[in-house]
Amino acid sequence: LIAASNTDGMTEEQAREFLDTWSD
């Protein structure tokens, strides 16, 4: 969802990385 709706070019892998590593 993040990758599909982000207009900056974020990939699913990047979205997963941020979801897994950023604070809750």
PDB file of all heavy atoms in Angstrom:
ATOM      1  N   LEU A   1       0.836  -1.205   0.000  1.00  0.00           N
ATOM      2  CA  LEU A   1       0.000   0.000   0.000  1.00  0.00           C
ATOM      3  C   LEU A   1       0.867   1.250   0.000  1.00  0.00           C
ATOM      4  O   LEU A   1       0.628   2.193  -0.766  1.00  0.00           O
ATOM      5  CB  LEU A   1      -0.943   0.017   1.207  1.00  0.00           C
ATOM      6  CG  LEU A   1      -1.755   1.304   1.371  1.00  0.00           C
ATOM      7  CD1 LEU A   1      -2.760   1.456   0.229  1.00  0.00           C
ATOM      8  CD2 LEU A   1      -2.454   1.326   2.721  1.00  0.00           C
ATOM      9  N   ILE A   2       1.873   1.263   0.848  1.00  0.00           N
ATOM     10  CA  ILE A   2       2.770   2.420   0.925  1.00  0.00           C
ATOM     11  C   ILE A   2       3.453   2.629  -0.416  1.00  0.00           C
ATOM     12  O   ILE A   2       3.488   3.746  -0.942  1.00  0.00           O
ATOM     13  CB  ILE A   2       3.784   2.239   2.069  1.00  0.00           C
ATOM     14  CG1 ILE A   2       3.053   2.327   3.424  1.00  0.00           C
ATOM     15  CG2 ILE A   2       4.901   3.270   1.985  1.00  0.00           C
ATOM     16  CD1 ILE A   2       3.869   1.836   4.604  1.00  0.00           C
ATOM     17  N   ALA A   3       4.001   1.552  -0.985  1.00  0.00           N
ATOM     18  CA  ALA A   3       4.702   1.660  -2.269  1.00  0.00           C
ATOM     19  C   ALA A   3       3.767   2.107  -3.387  1.00  0.00           C
ATOM     20  O   ALA A   3       4.136   2.950  -4.211  1.00  0.00           O
ATOM     21  CB  ALA A   3       5.353   0.324  -2.621  1.00  0.00           C
ATOM     22  N   ALA A   4       2.562   1.566  -3.415  1.00  0.00           N
ATOM     23  CA  ALA A   4       1.617   1.893  -4.487  1.00  0.00           C
ATOM     24  C   ALA A   4       1.115   3.337  -4.390  1.00  0.00           C
ATOM     25  O   ALA A   4       0.875   3.981  -5.408  1.00  0.00           O
ATOM     26  CB  ALA A   4       0.434   0.929  -4.467  1.00  0.00           C
ATOM     27  N   SER A   5       0.975   3.843  -3.189  1.00  0.00           N
ATOM     28  CA  SER A   5       0.404   5.185  -3.036  1.00  0.00           C
ATOM     29  C   SER A   5       1.463   6.274  -2.915  1.00  0.00           C
ATOM     30  O   SER A   5       1.155   7.453  -3.063  1.00  0.00           O
ATOM     31  CB  SER A   5      -0.546   5.225  -1.837  1.00  0.00           C
ATOM     32  OG  SER A   5       0.147   4.940  -0.638  1.00  0.00           O
ATOM     33  N   ASN A   6       2.714   5.903  -2.662  1.00  0.00           N
ATOM     34  CA  ASN A   6       3.777   6.900  -2.551  1.00  0.00           C
ATOM     35  C   ASN A   6       4.153   7.414  -3.937  1.00  0.00           C
ATOM     36  O   ASN A   6       4.404   6.635  -4.851  1.00  0.00           O
ATOM     37  CB  ASN A   6       5.001   6.299  -1.860  1.00  0.00           C
ATOM     38  CG  ASN A   6       6.126   7.296  -1.751  1.00  0.00           C
ATOM     39  OD1 ASN A   6       7.056   7.267  -2.536  1.00  0.00           O
ATOM     40  ND2 ASN A   6       6.035   8.194  -0.793  1.00  0.00           N
ATOM     41  N   THR A   7       4.185   8.719  -4.090  1.00  0.00           N
ATOM     42  CA  THR A   7       4.493   9.310  -5.391  1.00  0.00           C
ATOM     43  C   THR A   7       5.976   9.613  -5.567  1.00  0.00           C
ATOM     44  O   THR A   7       6.382  10.112  -6.611  1.00  0.00           O
ATOM     45  CB  THR A   7       3.680  10.603  -5.621  1.00  0.00           C
ATOM     46  OG1 THR A   7       4.072  11.575  -4.640  1.00  0.00           O
ATOM     47  CG2 THR A   7       2.188  10.348  -5.529  1.00  0.00           C
ATOM     48  N   ASP A   8       6.777   9.321  -4.543  1.00  0.00           N
ATOM     49  CA  ASP A   8       8.206   9.615  -4.591  1.00  0.00           C
ATOM     50  C   ASP A   8       9.026   8.454  -5.144  1.00  0.00           C
ATOM     51  O   ASP A   8      10.218   8.612  -5.383  1.00  0.00           O
ATOM     52  CB  ASP A   8       8.721   9.968  -3.188  1.00  0.00           C
ATOM     53  CG  ASP A   8       7.942  11.114  -2.581  1.00  0.00           C
ATOM     54  OD1 ASP A   8       7.940  12.205  -3.170  1.00  0.00           O
ATOM     55  OD2 ASP A   8       7.325  10.914  -1.517  1.00  0.00           O
ATOM     56  N   GLY A   9       8.408   7.284  -5.308  1.00  0.00           N
ATOM     57  CA  GLY A   9       9.129   6.143  -5.856  1.00  0.00           C
ATOM     58  C   GLY A   9       9.554   5.111  -4.833  1.00  0.00           C
ATOM     59  O   GLY A   9      10.389   4.255  -5.123  1.00  0.00           O
ATOM     60  N   MET A  10       9.003   5.151  -3.643  1.00  0.00           N
ATOM     61  CA  MET A  10       9.365   4.174  -2.622  1.00  0.00           C
ATOM     62  C   MET A  10       8.922   2.776  -3.066  1.00  0.00           C
ATOM     63  O   MET A  10       7.808   2.599  -3.540  1.00  0.00           O
ATOM     64  CB  MET A  10       8.692   4.529  -1.285  1.00  0.00           C
ATOM     65  CG  MET A  10       9.149   3.658  -0.127  1.00  0.00           C
ATOM     66  SD  MET A  10       8.306   4.029   1.435  1.00  0.00           S
ATOM     67  CE  MET A  10       8.679   5.750   1.683  1.00  0.00           C
ATOM     68  N   THR A  11       9.795   1.805  -2.892  1.00  0.00           N
ATOM     69  CA  THR A  11       9.489   0.422  -3.260  1.00  0.00           C
ATOM     70  C   THR A  11       8.886  -0.318  -2.075  1.00  0.00           C
ATOM     71  O   THR A  11       8.960   0.148  -0.930  1.00  0.00           O
ATOM     72  CB  THR A  11      10.756  -0.322  -3.711  1.00  0.00           C
ATOM     73  OG1 THR A  11      11.639  -0.431  -2.577  1.00  0.00           O
ATOM     74  CG2 THR A  11      11.445   0.387  -4.865  1.00  0.00           C
ATOM     75  N   GLU A  12       8.320  -1.487  -2.348  1.00  0.00           N
ATOM     76  CA  GLU A  12       7.789  -2.322  -1.261  1.00  0.00           C
ATOM     77  C   GLU A  12       8.892  -2.697  -0.287  1.00  0.00           C
ATOM     78  O   GLU A  12       8.671  -2.708   0.924  1.00  0.00           O
ATOM     79  CB  GLU A  12       7.143  -3.600  -1.816  1.00  0.00           C
ATOM     80  CG  GLU A  12       5.762  -3.398  -2.347  1.00  0.00           C
ATOM     81  CD  GLU A  12       5.070  -4.709  -2.683  1.00  0.00           C
ATOM     82  OE1 GLU A  12       5.098  -5.640  -1.845  1.00  0.00           O
ATOM     83  OE2 GLU A  12       4.502  -4.795  -3.778  1.00  0.00           O
ATOM     84  N   GLU A  13      10.070  -3.029  -0.800  1.00  0.00           N
ATOM     85  CA  GLU A  13      11.183  -3.419   0.063  1.00  0.00           C
ATOM     86  C   GLU A  13      11.593  -2.262   0.976  1.00  0.00           C
ATOM     87  O   GLU A  13      11.869  -2.461   2.158  1.00  0.00           O
ATOM     88  CB  GLU A  13      12.379  -3.880  -0.783  1.00  0.00           C
ATOM     89  CG  GLU A  13      12.145  -5.152  -1.560  1.00  0.00           C
ATOM     90  CD  GLU A  13      11.263  -4.972  -2.802  1.00  0.00           C
ATOM     91  OE1 GLU A  13      11.189  -3.853  -3.375  1.00  0.00           O
ATOM     92  OE2 GLU A  13      10.606  -5.962  -3.190  1.00  0.00           O
ATOM     93  N   GLN A  14      11.633  -1.056   0.430  1.00  0.00           N
ATOM     94  CA  GLN A  14      11.967   0.109   1.248  1.00  0.00           C
ATOM     95  C   GLN A  14      10.890   0.363   2.291  1.00  0.00           C
ATOM     96  O   GLN A  14      11.192   0.664   3.453  1.00  0.00           O
ATOM     97  CB  GLN A  14      12.172   1.334   0.357  1.00  0.00           C
ATOM     98  CG  GLN A  14      13.399   1.213  -0.525  1.00  0.00           C
ATOM     99  CD  GLN A  14      13.377   2.189  -1.692  1.00  0.00           C
ATOM    100  OE1 GLN A  14      12.320   2.704  -2.087  1.00  0.00           O
ATOM    101  NE2 GLN A  14      14.541   2.440  -2.264  1.00  0.00           N
ATOM    102  N   ALA A  15       9.631   0.241   1.890  1.00  0.00           N
ATOM    103  CA  ALA A  15       8.528   0.433   2.837  1.00  0.00           C
ATOM    104  C   ALA A  15       8.625  -0.581   3.971  1.00  0.00           C
ATOM    105  O   ALA A  15       8.461  -0.230   5.143  1.00  0.00           O
ATOM    106  CB  ALA A  15       7.189   0.320   2.118  1.00  0.00           C
ATOM    107  N   ARG A  16       8.896  -1.852   3.634  1.00  0.00           N
ATOM    108  CA  ARG A  16       9.046  -2.889   4.662  1.00  0.00           C
ATOM    109  C   ARG A  16      10.204  -2.547   5.594  1.00  0.00           C
ATOM    110  O   ARG A  16      10.097  -2.659   6.808  1.00  0.00           O
ATOM    111  CB  ARG A  16       9.265  -4.260   4.004  1.00  0.00           C
ATOM    112  CG  ARG A  16       9.685  -5.384   4.923  1.00  0.00           C
ATOM    113  CD  ARG A  16       8.793  -5.672   6.117  1.00  0.00           C
ATOM    114  NE  ARG A  16       7.444  -6.026   5.743  1.00  0.00           N
ATOM    115  CZ  ARG A  16       6.399  -5.930   6.569  1.00  0.00           C
ATOM    116  NH1 ARG A  16       6.544  -5.507   7.804  1.00  0.00           N
ATOM    117  NH2 ARG A  16       5.198  -6.254   6.163  1.00  0.00           N
ATOM    118  N   GLU A  17      11.329  -2.096   5.018  1.00  0.00           N
ATOM    119  CA  GLU A  17      12.483  -1.707   5.831  1.00  0.00           C
ATOM    120  C   GLU A  17      12.103  -0.619   6.834  1.00  0.00           C
ATOM    121  O   GLU A  17      12.429  -0.702   8.018  1.00  0.00           O
ATOM    122  CB  GLU A  17      13.608  -1.206   4.913  1.00  0.00           C
ATOM    123  CG  GLU A  17      14.801  -0.619   5.636  1.00  0.00           C
ATOM    124  CD  GLU A  17      15.785   0.082   4.710  1.00  0.00           C
ATOM    125  OE1 GLU A  17      15.705  -0.101   3.473  1.00  0.00           O
ATOM    126  OE2 GLU A  17      16.629   0.833   5.225  1.00  0.00           O
ATOM    127  N   PHE A  18      11.413   0.415   6.348  1.00  0.00           N
ATOM    128  CA  PHE A  18      11.044   1.519   7.237  1.00  0.00           C
ATOM    129  C   PHE A  18      10.042   1.063   8.290  1.00  0.00           C
ATOM    130  O   PHE A  18      10.145   1.433   9.467  1.00  0.00           O
ATOM    131  CB  PHE A  18      10.493   2.699   6.433  1.00  0.00           C
ATOM    132  CG  PHE A  18      11.475   3.251   5.435  1.00  0.00           C
ATOM    133  CD1 PHE A  18      11.030   3.717   4.215  1.00  0.00           C
ATOM    134  CD2 PHE A  18      12.837   3.292   5.691  1.00  0.00           C
ATOM    135  CE1 PHE A  18      11.922   4.232   3.277  1.00  0.00           C
ATOM    136  CE2 PHE A  18      13.742   3.791   4.765  1.00  0.00           C
ATOM    137  CZ  PHE A  18      13.282   4.269   3.554  1.00  0.00           C
ATOM    138  N   LEU A  19       9.073   0.255   7.897  1.00  0.00           N
ATOM    139  CA  LEU A  19       8.093  -0.253   8.860  1.00  0.00           C
ATOM    140  C   LEU A  19       8.758  -1.113   9.928  1.00  0.00           C
ATOM    141  O   LEU A  19       8.339  -1.114  11.088  1.00  0.00           O
ATOM    142  CB  LEU A  19       6.998  -1.039   8.148  1.00  0.00           C
ATOM    143  CG  LEU A  19       6.028  -0.218   7.295  1.00  0.00           C
ATOM    144  CD1 LEU A  19       5.138  -1.137   6.460  1.00  0.00           C
ATOM    145  CD2 LEU A  19       5.188   0.714   8.162  1.00  0.00           C
ATOM    146  N   ASP A  20       9.803  -1.849   9.541  1.00  0.00           N
ATOM    147  CA  ASP A  20      10.491  -2.739  10.480  1.00  0.00           C
ATOM    148  C   ASP A  20      11.518  -2.038  11.351  1.00  0.00           C
ATOM    149  O   ASP A  20      11.807  -2.493  12.456  1.00  0.00           O
ATOM    150  CB  ASP A  20      11.197  -3.879   9.717  1.00  0.00           C
ATOM    151  CG  ASP A  20      10.228  -4.888   9.135  1.00  0.00           C
ATOM    152  OD1 ASP A  20       9.034  -4.891   9.523  1.00  0.00           O
ATOM    153  OD2 ASP A  20      10.663  -5.677   8.270  1.00  0.00           O
ATOM    154  N   THR A  21      12.083  -0.922  10.870  1.00  0.00           N
ATOM    155  CA  THR A  21      13.196  -0.313  11.601  1.00  0.00           C
ATOM    156  C   THR A  21      12.865   1.009  12.287  1.00  0.00           C
ATOM    157  O   THR A  21      13.582   1.412  13.204  1.00  0.00           O
ATOM    158  CB  THR A  21      14.405  -0.091  10.662  1.00  0.00           C
ATOM    159  OG1 THR A  21      14.025   0.784   9.595  1.00  0.00           O
ATOM    160  CG2 THR A  21      14.904  -1.417  10.108  1.00  0.00           C
ATOM    161  N   TRP A  22      11.821   1.685  11.844  1.00  0.00           N
ATOM    162  CA  TRP A  22      11.459   2.934  12.503  1.00  0.00           C
ATOM    163  C   TRP A  22      10.776   2.625  13.831  1.00  0.00           C
ATOM    164  O   TRP A  22      10.298   1.514  14.061  1.00  0.00           O
ATOM    165  CB  TRP A  22      10.524   3.756  11.625  1.00  0.00           C
ATOM    166  CG  TRP A  22      11.189   4.362  10.417  1.00  0.00           C
ATOM    167  CD1 TRP A  22      12.485   4.248  10.029  1.00  0.00           C
ATOM    168  CD2 TRP A  22      10.541   5.182   9.433  1.00  0.00           C
ATOM    169  NE1 TRP A  22      12.700   4.948   8.869  1.00  0.00           N
ATOM    170  CE2 TRP A  22      11.536   5.525   8.483  1.00  0.00           C
ATOM    171  CE3 TRP A  22       9.251   5.643   9.273  1.00  0.00           C
ATOM    172  CZ2 TRP A  22      11.248   6.329   7.383  1.00  0.00           C
ATOM    173  CZ3 TRP A  22       8.973   6.439   8.174  1.00  0.00           C
ATOM    174  CH2 TRP A  22       9.958   6.785   7.247  1.00  0.00           C
ATOM    175  N   SER A  23      10.687   3.639  14.676  1.00  0.00           N
ATOM    176  CA  SER A  23       9.970   3.466  15.938  1.00  0.00           C
ATOM    177  C   SER A  23       8.517   3.096  15.645  1.00  0.00           C
ATOM    178  O   SER A  23       8.014   3.322  14.535  1.00  0.00           O
ATOM    179  CB  SER A  23      10.011   4.757  16.766  1.00  0.00           C
ATOM    180  OG  SER A  23       9.184   5.755  16.178  1.00  0.00           O
ATOM    181  N   ASP A  24       7.865   2.541  16.626  1.00  0.00           N
ATOM    182  CA  ASP A  24       6.472   2.119  16.453  1.00  0.00           C
ATOM    183  C   ASP A  24       5.588   3.291  16.015  1.00  0.00           C
ATOM    184  O   ASP A  24       4.787   3.162  15.092  1.00  0.00           O
ATOM    185  CB  ASP A  24       5.954   1.504  17.755  1.00  0.00           C
ATOM    186  CG  ASP A  24       4.643   0.781  17.582  1.00  0.00           C
ATOM    187  OD1 ASP A  24       4.495   0.020  16.601  1.00  0.00           O
ATOM    188  OD2 ASP A  24       3.753   0.981  18.439  1.00  0.00           O
TER     189      ASP A  24
END
